[in-house]
PDB file of N, CA and C in Angstrom:
ATOM      1  N   UNK A   1      92.030 121.017  96.606  1.00  0.00           N
ATOM      2  CA  UNK A   1      91.816 119.834  97.497  1.00  0.00           C
ATOM      3  C   UNK A   1      91.198 120.276  98.737  1.00  0.00           C
ATOM      4  N   UNK A   2      90.060 119.777  99.094  1.00  0.00           N
ATOM      5  CA  UNK A   2      89.316 120.161 100.287  1.00  0.00           C
ATOM      6  C   UNK A   2      89.894 119.450 101.538  1.00  0.00           C
ATOM      7  N   UNK A   3      89.251 119.761 102.691  1.00  0.00           N
ATOM      8  CA  UNK A   3      89.806 119.287 103.886  1.00  0.00           C
ATOM      9  C   UNK A   3      89.737 117.748 104.050  1.00  0.00           C
ATOM     10  N   UNK A   4      88.613 117.113 103.511  1.00  0.00           N
ATOM     11  CA  UNK A   4      88.529 115.713 103.689  1.00  0.00           C
ATOM     12  C   UNK A   4      89.614 114.970 102.866  1.00  0.00           C
ATOM     13  N   UNK A   5      89.895 115.498 101.730  1.00  0.00           N
ATOM     14  CA  UNK A   5      90.852 114.829 100.856  1.00  0.00           C
ATOM     15  C   UNK A   5      92.310 115.068 101.499  1.00  0.00           C
ATOM     16  N   UNK A   6      92.557 116.212 102.062  1.00  0.00           N
ATOM     17  CA  UNK A   6      93.854 116.424 102.727  1.00  0.00           C
ATOM     18  C   UNK A   6      94.056 115.586 103.870  1.00  0.00           C
ATOM     19  N   UNK A   7      92.890 115.414 104.662  1.00  0.00           N
ATOM     20  CA  UNK A   7      92.979 114.568 105.887  1.00  0.00           C
ATOM     21  C   UNK A   7      93.234 113.142 105.458  1.00  0.00           C
ATOM     22  N   UNK A   8      92.536 112.708 104.508  1.00  0.00           N
ATOM     23  CA  UNK A   8      92.634 111.269 104.059  1.00  0.00           C
ATOM     24  C   UNK A   8      94.094 111.066 103.567  1.00  0.00           C
ATOM     25  N   UNK A   9      94.614 112.074 102.790  1.00  0.00           N
ATOM     26  CA  UNK A   9      95.967 111.887 102.266  1.00  0.00           C
ATOM     27  C   UNK A   9      97.053 111.840 103.423  1.00  0.00           C
ATOM     28  N   UNK A  10      96.864 112.670 104.440  1.00  0.00           N
ATOM     29  CA  UNK A  10      97.749 112.613 105.592  1.00  0.00           C
ATOM     30  C   UNK A  10      97.626 111.353 106.306  1.00  0.00           C
ATOM     31  N   UNK A  11      96.417 110.725 106.430  1.00  0.00           N
ATOM     32  CA  UNK A  11      96.260 109.457 107.122  1.00  0.00           C
ATOM     33  C   UNK A  11      96.939 108.357 106.309  1.00  0.00           C
ATOM     34  N   UNK A  12      96.725 108.377 104.973  1.00  0.00           N
ATOM     35  CA  UNK A  12      97.477 107.324 104.196  1.00  0.00           C
ATOM     36  C   UNK A  12      98.968 107.407 104.338  1.00  0.00           C
ATOM     37  N   UNK A  13      99.490 108.632 104.298  1.00  0.00           N
ATOM     38  CA  UNK A  13     100.926 108.791 104.413  1.00  0.00           C
ATOM     39  C   UNK A  13     101.397 108.347 105.813  1.00  0.00           C
ATOM     40  N   UNK A  14     100.691 108.707 106.866  1.00  0.00           N
ATOM     41  CA  UNK A  14     101.010 108.255 108.141  1.00  0.00           C
ATOM     42  C   UNK A  14     101.031 106.759 108.265  1.00  0.00           C
ATOM     43  N   UNK A  15      99.962 106.089 107.748  1.00  0.00           N
ATOM     44  CA  UNK A  15      99.867 104.650 107.765  1.00  0.00           C
ATOM     45  C   UNK A  15     101.111 104.050 106.975  1.00  0.00           C
ATOM     46  N   UNK A  16     101.434 104.570 105.879  1.00  0.00           N
ATOM     47  CA  UNK A  16     102.487 104.106 105.076  1.00  0.00           C
ATOM     48  C   UNK A  16     103.874 104.256 105.881  1.00  0.00           C
ATOM     49  N   UNK A  17     104.111 105.271 106.469  1.00  0.00           N
ATOM     50  CA  UNK A  17     105.304 105.534 107.207  1.00  0.00           C
ATOM     51  C   UNK A  17     105.378 104.614 108.477  1.00  0.00           C
ATOM     52  N   UNK A  18     104.277 104.435 109.096  1.00  0.00           N
ATOM     53  CA  UNK A  18     104.297 103.482 110.257  1.00  0.00           C
ATOM     54  C   UNK A  18     104.555 102.025 109.848  1.00  0.00           C
ATOM     55  N   UNK A  19     104.001 101.651 108.702  1.00  0.00           N
ATOM     56  CA  UNK A  19     104.263 100.316 108.180  1.00  0.00           C
ATOM     57  C   UNK A  19     105.789 100.153 107.782  1.00  0.00           C
ATOM     58  N   UNK A  20     106.331 101.223 107.241  1.00  0.00           N
ATOM     59  CA  UNK A  20     107.787 101.215 106.836  1.00  0.00           C
ATOM     60  C   UNK A  20     108.598 101.081 108.147  1.00  0.00           C
ATOM     61  N   UNK A  21     108.215 101.832 109.202  1.00  0.00           N
ATOM     62  CA  UNK A  21     108.953 101.836 110.434  1.00  0.00           C
ATOM     63  C   UNK A  21     108.980 100.452 111.036  1.00  0.00           C
ATOM     64  N   UNK A  22     107.846  99.770 110.975  1.00  0.00           N
ATOM     65  CA  UNK A  22     107.757  98.391 111.538  1.00  0.00           C
ATOM     66  C   UNK A  22     108.776  97.424 110.841  1.00  0.00           C
ATOM     67  N   UNK A  23     108.809  97.642 109.429  1.00  0.00           N
ATOM     68  CA  UNK A  23     109.757  96.790 108.687  1.00  0.00           C
ATOM     69  C   UNK A  23     111.207  97.144 109.024  1.00  0.00           C
ATOM     70  N   UNK A  24     111.509  98.406 109.150  1.00  0.00           N
ATOM     71  CA  UNK A  24     112.913  98.801 109.541  1.00  0.00           C
ATOM     72  C   UNK A  24     113.296  98.202 110.934  1.00  0.00           C
ATOM     73  N   UNK A  25     112.327  98.329 111.868  1.00  0.00           N
ATOM     74  CA  UNK A  25     112.595  97.887 113.224  1.00  0.00           C
ATOM     75  C   UNK A  25     112.696  96.356 113.216  1.00  0.00           C
ATOM     76  N   UNK A  26     111.938  95.597 112.502  1.00  0.00           N
ATOM     77  CA  UNK A  26     112.072  94.087 112.449  1.00  0.00           C
ATOM     78  C   UNK A  26     113.405  93.717 111.881  1.00  0.00           C
ATOM     79  N   UNK A  27     113.807  94.386 110.816  1.00  0.00           N
ATOM     80  CA  UNK A  27     115.170  94.126 110.219  1.00  0.00           C
ATOM     81  C   UNK A  27     116.290  94.440 111.135  1.00  0.00           C
ATOM     82  N   UNK A  28     116.152  95.599 111.792  1.00  0.00           N
ATOM     83  CA  UNK A  28     117.193  96.029 112.702  1.00  0.00           C
ATOM     84  C   UNK A  28     117.278  95.051 113.925  1.00  0.00           C
ATOM     85  N   UNK A  29     116.180  94.647 114.444  1.00  0.00           N
ATOM     86  CA  UNK A  29     116.219  93.654 115.500  1.00  0.00           C
ATOM     87  C   UNK A  29     116.875  92.357 115.167  1.00  0.00           C
ATOM     88  N   UNK A  30     116.526  91.832 113.964  1.00  0.00           N
ATOM     89  CA  UNK A  30     117.119  90.686 113.492  1.00  0.00           C
ATOM     90  C   UNK A  30     118.677  90.832 113.347  1.00  0.00           C
ATOM     91  N   UNK A  31     119.064  91.895 112.762  1.00  0.00           N
ATOM     92  CA  UNK A  31     120.535  92.157 112.585  1.00  0.00           C
ATOM     93  C   UNK A  31     121.256  92.313 113.890  1.00  0.00           C
ATOM     94  N   UNK A  32     120.553  92.989 114.920  1.00  0.00           N
ATOM     95  CA  UNK A  32     121.114  93.104 116.200  1.00  0.00           C
ATOM     96  C   UNK A  32     121.379  91.756 116.829  1.00  0.00           C
ATOM     97  N   UNK A  33     120.363  90.796 116.662  1.00  0.00           N
ATOM     98  CA  UNK A  33     120.442  89.492 117.221  1.00  0.00           C
ATOM     99  C   UNK A  33     121.641  88.782 116.533  1.00  0.00           C
ATOM    100  N   UNK A  34     121.846  89.029 115.255  1.00  0.00           N
ATOM    101  CA  UNK A  34     122.942  88.310 114.600  1.00  0.00           C
ATOM    102  C   UNK A  34     124.357  88.761 115.060  1.00  0.00           C
ATOM    103  N   UNK A  35     124.436  90.026 115.393  1.00  0.00           N
ATOM    104  CA  UNK A  35     125.677  90.635 115.817  1.00  0.00           C
ATOM    105  C   UNK A  35     125.904  90.716 117.263  1.00  0.00           C
ATOM    106  N   UNK A  36     125.051  89.932 118.042  1.00  0.00           N
ATOM    107  CA  UNK A  36     125.187  89.830 119.533  1.00  0.00           C
ATOM    108  C   UNK A  36     126.524  89.256 119.896  1.00  0.00           C
ATOM    109  N   UNK A  37     127.273  89.883 120.823  1.00  0.00           N
ATOM    110  CA  UNK A  37     128.615  89.376 121.170  1.00  0.00           C
ATOM    111  C   UNK A  37     128.691  88.011 121.858  1.00  0.00           C
ATOM    112  N   UNK A  38     127.676  87.725 122.567  1.00  0.00           N
ATOM    113  CA  UNK A  38     127.720  86.415 123.387  1.00  0.00           C
ATOM    114  C   UNK A  38     127.304  85.234 122.536  1.00  0.00           C
ATOM    115  N   UNK A  39     126.264  85.495 121.757  1.00  0.00           N
ATOM    116  CA  UNK A  39     125.718  84.352 120.926  1.00  0.00           C
ATOM    117  C   UNK A  39     125.578  84.755 119.501  1.00  0.00           C
ATOM    118  N   UNK A  40     126.691  84.952 118.752  1.00  0.00           N
ATOM    119  CA  UNK A  40     126.551  85.382 117.343  1.00  0.00           C
ATOM    120  C   UNK A  40     125.906  84.282 116.549  1.00  0.00           C
ATOM    121  N   UNK A  41     125.160  84.729 115.645  1.00  0.00           N
ATOM    122  CA  UNK A  41     124.502  83.878 114.578  1.00  0.00           C
ATOM    123  C   UNK A  41     124.930  84.264 113.166  1.00  0.00           C
ATOM    124  N   UNK A  42     124.828  83.335 112.267  1.00  0.00           N
ATOM    125  CA  UNK A  42     125.173  83.612 110.889  1.00  0.00           C
ATOM    126  C   UNK A  42     124.010  84.488 110.277  1.00  0.00           C
ATOM    127  N   UNK A  43     124.290  85.348 109.453  1.00  0.00           N
ATOM    128  CA  UNK A  43     123.245  86.173 108.844  1.00  0.00           C
ATOM    129  C   UNK A  43     122.618  85.453 107.575  1.00  0.00           C
ATOM    130  N   UNK A  44     121.343  85.262 107.634  1.00  0.00           N
ATOM    131  CA  UNK A  44     120.635  84.546 106.560  1.00  0.00           C
ATOM    132  C   UNK A  44     119.867  85.596 105.798  1.00  0.00           C
ATOM    133  N   UNK A  45     119.649  85.328 104.499  1.00  0.00           N
ATOM    134  CA  UNK A  45     119.021  86.297 103.620  1.00  0.00           C
ATOM    135  C   UNK A  45     117.465  86.289 103.803  1.00  0.00           C
ATOM    136  N   UNK A  46     116.913  85.024 103.918  1.00  0.00           N
ATOM    137  CA  UNK A  46     115.463  84.881 103.977  1.00  0.00           C
ATOM    138  C   UNK A  46     114.812  85.668 105.089  1.00  0.00           C
ATOM    139  N   UNK A  47     115.326  85.642 106.362  1.00  0.00           N
ATOM    140  CA  UNK A  47     114.678  86.544 107.372  1.00  0.00           C
ATOM    141  C   UNK A  47     114.760  87.987 107.090  1.00  0.00           C
ATOM    142  N   UNK A  48     115.897  88.389 106.466  1.00  0.00           N
ATOM    143  CA  UNK A  48     116.001  89.825 106.183  1.00  0.00           C
ATOM    144  C   UNK A  48     114.963  90.239 105.098  1.00  0.00           C
ATOM    145  N   UNK A  49     114.836  89.308 104.131  1.00  0.00           N
ATOM    146  CA  UNK A  49     113.780  89.638 103.085  1.00  0.00           C
ATOM    147  C   UNK A  49     112.350  89.649 103.580  1.00  0.00           C
ATOM    148  N   UNK A  50     112.069  88.652 104.464  1.00  0.00           N
ATOM    149  CA  UNK A  50     110.642  88.631 104.929  1.00  0.00           C
ATOM    150  C   UNK A  50     110.486  89.785 105.976  1.00  0.00           C
ATOM    151  N   UNK A  51     111.451  90.201 106.695  1.00  0.00           N
ATOM    152  CA  UNK A  51     111.274  91.313 107.635  1.00  0.00           C
ATOM    153  C   UNK A  51     111.256  92.620 106.887  1.00  0.00           C
ATOM    154  N   UNK A  52     111.751  92.732 105.629  1.00  0.00           N
ATOM    155  CA  UNK A  52     111.644  93.975 104.916  1.00  0.00           C
ATOM    156  C   UNK A  52     110.437  94.054 103.978  1.00  0.00           C
ATOM    157  N   UNK A  53     109.580  93.095 104.001  1.00  0.00           N
ATOM    158  CA  UNK A  53     108.328  93.147 103.218  1.00  0.00           C
ATOM    159  C   UNK A  53     107.444  94.341 103.641  1.00  0.00           C
ATOM    160  N   UNK A  54     107.288  94.664 104.913  1.00  0.00           N
ATOM    161  CA  UNK A  54     106.527  95.857 105.187  1.00  0.00           C
ATOM    162  C   UNK A  54     107.140  97.101 104.645  1.00  0.00           C
ATOM    163  N   UNK A  55     108.453  97.243 104.464  1.00  0.00           N
ATOM    164  CA  UNK A  55     109.052  98.375 103.926  1.00  0.00           C
ATOM    165  C   UNK A  55     108.624  98.557 102.477  1.00  0.00           C
ATOM    166  N   UNK A  56     108.600  97.388 101.709  1.00  0.00           N
ATOM    167  CA  UNK A  56     108.163  97.521 100.391  1.00  0.00           C
ATOM    168  C   UNK A  56     106.652  97.858 100.185  1.00  0.00           C
ATOM    169  N   UNK A  57     105.877  97.319 101.135  1.00  0.00           N
ATOM    170  CA  UNK A  57     104.456  97.615 101.130  1.00  0.00           C
ATOM    171  C   UNK A  57     104.208  99.117 101.467  1.00  0.00           C
ATOM    172  N   UNK A  58     105.024  99.657 102.421  1.00  0.00           N
ATOM    173  CA  UNK A  58     104.887 101.061 102.674  1.00  0.00           C
ATOM    174  C   UNK A  58     105.287 102.001 101.537  1.00  0.00           C
ATOM    175  N   UNK A  59     106.345 101.570 100.812  1.00  0.00           N
ATOM    176  CA  UNK A  59     106.693 102.320  99.660  1.00  0.00           C
ATOM    177  C   UNK A  59     105.574 102.306  98.534  1.00  0.00           C
ATOM    178  N   UNK A  60     104.967 101.096  98.372  1.00  0.00           N
ATOM    179  CA  UNK A  60     103.852 101.042  97.444  1.00  0.00           C
ATOM    180  C   UNK A  60     102.746 101.920  97.929  1.00  0.00           C
ATOM    181  N   UNK A  61     102.444 101.922  99.143  1.00  0.00           N
ATOM    182  CA  UNK A  61     101.322 102.787  99.693  1.00  0.00           C
ATOM    183  C   UNK A  61     101.638 104.292  99.443  1.00  0.00           C
ATOM    184  N   UNK A  62     102.896 104.660  99.680  1.00  0.00           N
ATOM    185  CA  UNK A  62     103.339 105.996  99.463  1.00  0.00           C
ATOM    186  C   UNK A  62     103.189 106.403  97.983  1.00  0.00           C
ATOM    187  N   UNK A  63     103.570 105.474  97.068  1.00  0.00           N
ATOM    188  CA  UNK A  63     103.452 105.782  95.674  1.00  0.00           C
ATOM    189  C   UNK A  63     102.012 105.927  95.210  1.00  0.00           C
ATOM    190  N   UNK A  64     101.115 105.106  95.746  1.00  0.00           N
ATOM    191  CA  UNK A  64      99.694 105.149  95.411  1.00  0.00           C
ATOM    192  C   UNK A  64      98.873 105.991  96.508  1.00  0.00           C
ATOM    193  N   UNK A  65      99.535 106.889  97.209  1.00  0.00           N
ATOM    194  CA  UNK A  65      98.838 107.545  98.259  1.00  0.00           C
ATOM    195  C   UNK A  65      97.702 108.435  97.795  1.00  0.00           C
ATOM    196  N   UNK A  66      97.833 109.092  96.753  1.00  0.00           N
ATOM    197  CA  UNK A  66      96.760 110.006  96.266  1.00  0.00           C
ATOM    198  C   UNK A  66      95.569 109.173  95.862  1.00  0.00           C
ATOM    199  N   UNK A  67      95.713 108.046  95.143  1.00  0.00           N
ATOM    200  CA  UNK A  67      94.534 107.310  94.706  1.00  0.00           C
ATOM    201  C   UNK A  67      93.838 106.658  95.984  1.00  0.00           C
ATOM    202  N   UNK A  68      94.682 106.220  96.910  1.00  0.00           N
ATOM    203  CA  UNK A  68      94.080 105.614  98.097  1.00  0.00           C
ATOM    204  C   UNK A  68      93.309 106.663  98.909  1.00  0.00           C
ATOM    205  N   UNK A  69      93.953 107.857  99.037  1.00  0.00           N
ATOM    206  CA  UNK A  69      93.252 108.909  99.716  1.00  0.00           C
ATOM    207  C   UNK A  69      91.900 109.310  99.082  1.00  0.00           C
ATOM    208  N   UNK A  70      91.923 109.406  97.761  1.00  0.00           N
ATOM    209  CA  UNK A  70      90.639 109.756  97.094  1.00  0.00           C
ATOM    210  C   UNK A  70      89.643 108.686  97.360  1.00  0.00           C
ATOM    211  N   UNK A  71      90.033 107.427  97.326  1.00  0.00           N
ATOM    212  CA  UNK A  71      89.121 106.271  97.549  1.00  0.00           C
ATOM    213  C   UNK A  71      88.517 106.425  99.019  1.00  0.00           C
ATOM    214  N   UNK A  72      89.404 106.710  99.902  1.00  0.00           N
ATOM    215  CA  UNK A  72      88.922 106.871 101.389  1.00  0.00           C
ATOM    216  C   UNK A  72      88.005 107.986 101.513  1.00  0.00           C
ATOM    217  N   UNK A  73      88.340 109.204 100.929  1.00  0.00           N
ATOM    218  CA  UNK A  73      87.493 110.391 100.990  1.00  0.00           C
ATOM    219  C   UNK A  73      86.180 110.129 100.312  1.00  0.00           C
ATOM    220  N   UNK A  74      86.127 109.464  99.195  1.00  0.00           N
ATOM    221  CA  UNK A  74      84.891 109.163  98.531  1.00  0.00           C
ATOM    222  C   UNK A  74      84.052 108.143  99.384  1.00  0.00           C
ATOM    223  N   UNK A  75      84.719 107.213 100.038  1.00  0.00           N
ATOM    224  CA  UNK A  75      84.014 106.240 100.834  1.00  0.00           C
ATOM    225  C   UNK A  75      83.376 106.815 101.983  1.00  0.00           C
ATOM    226  N   UNK A  76      84.080 107.851 102.648  1.00  0.00           N
ATOM    227  CA  UNK A  76      83.576 108.455 103.850  1.00  0.00           C
ATOM    228  C   UNK A  76      82.362 109.447 103.513  1.00  0.00           C
ATOM    229  N   UNK A  77      82.271 109.988 102.368  1.00  0.00           N
ATOM    230  CA  UNK A  77      81.246 110.861 101.961  1.00  0.00           C
ATOM    231  C   UNK A  77      79.960 110.255 101.710  1.00  0.00           C
TER     232      UNK A  77
END
């Protein structure tokens, strides 16, 4: 694997991890708002599911990272 393929693979992995981090932070902020002591809310499933969509997208990107990295490296050459 040459340098351009390794760089593209590292970029794809970084993007996937950042997308997953955004999903985790969205879900954590929603749960923090639900457990707030002054104004508690009931926990609903739909906001948790919609806030965790980026986590699922990040996992899919990580699974397909090599194929995406090859596509990016070929596109850049």
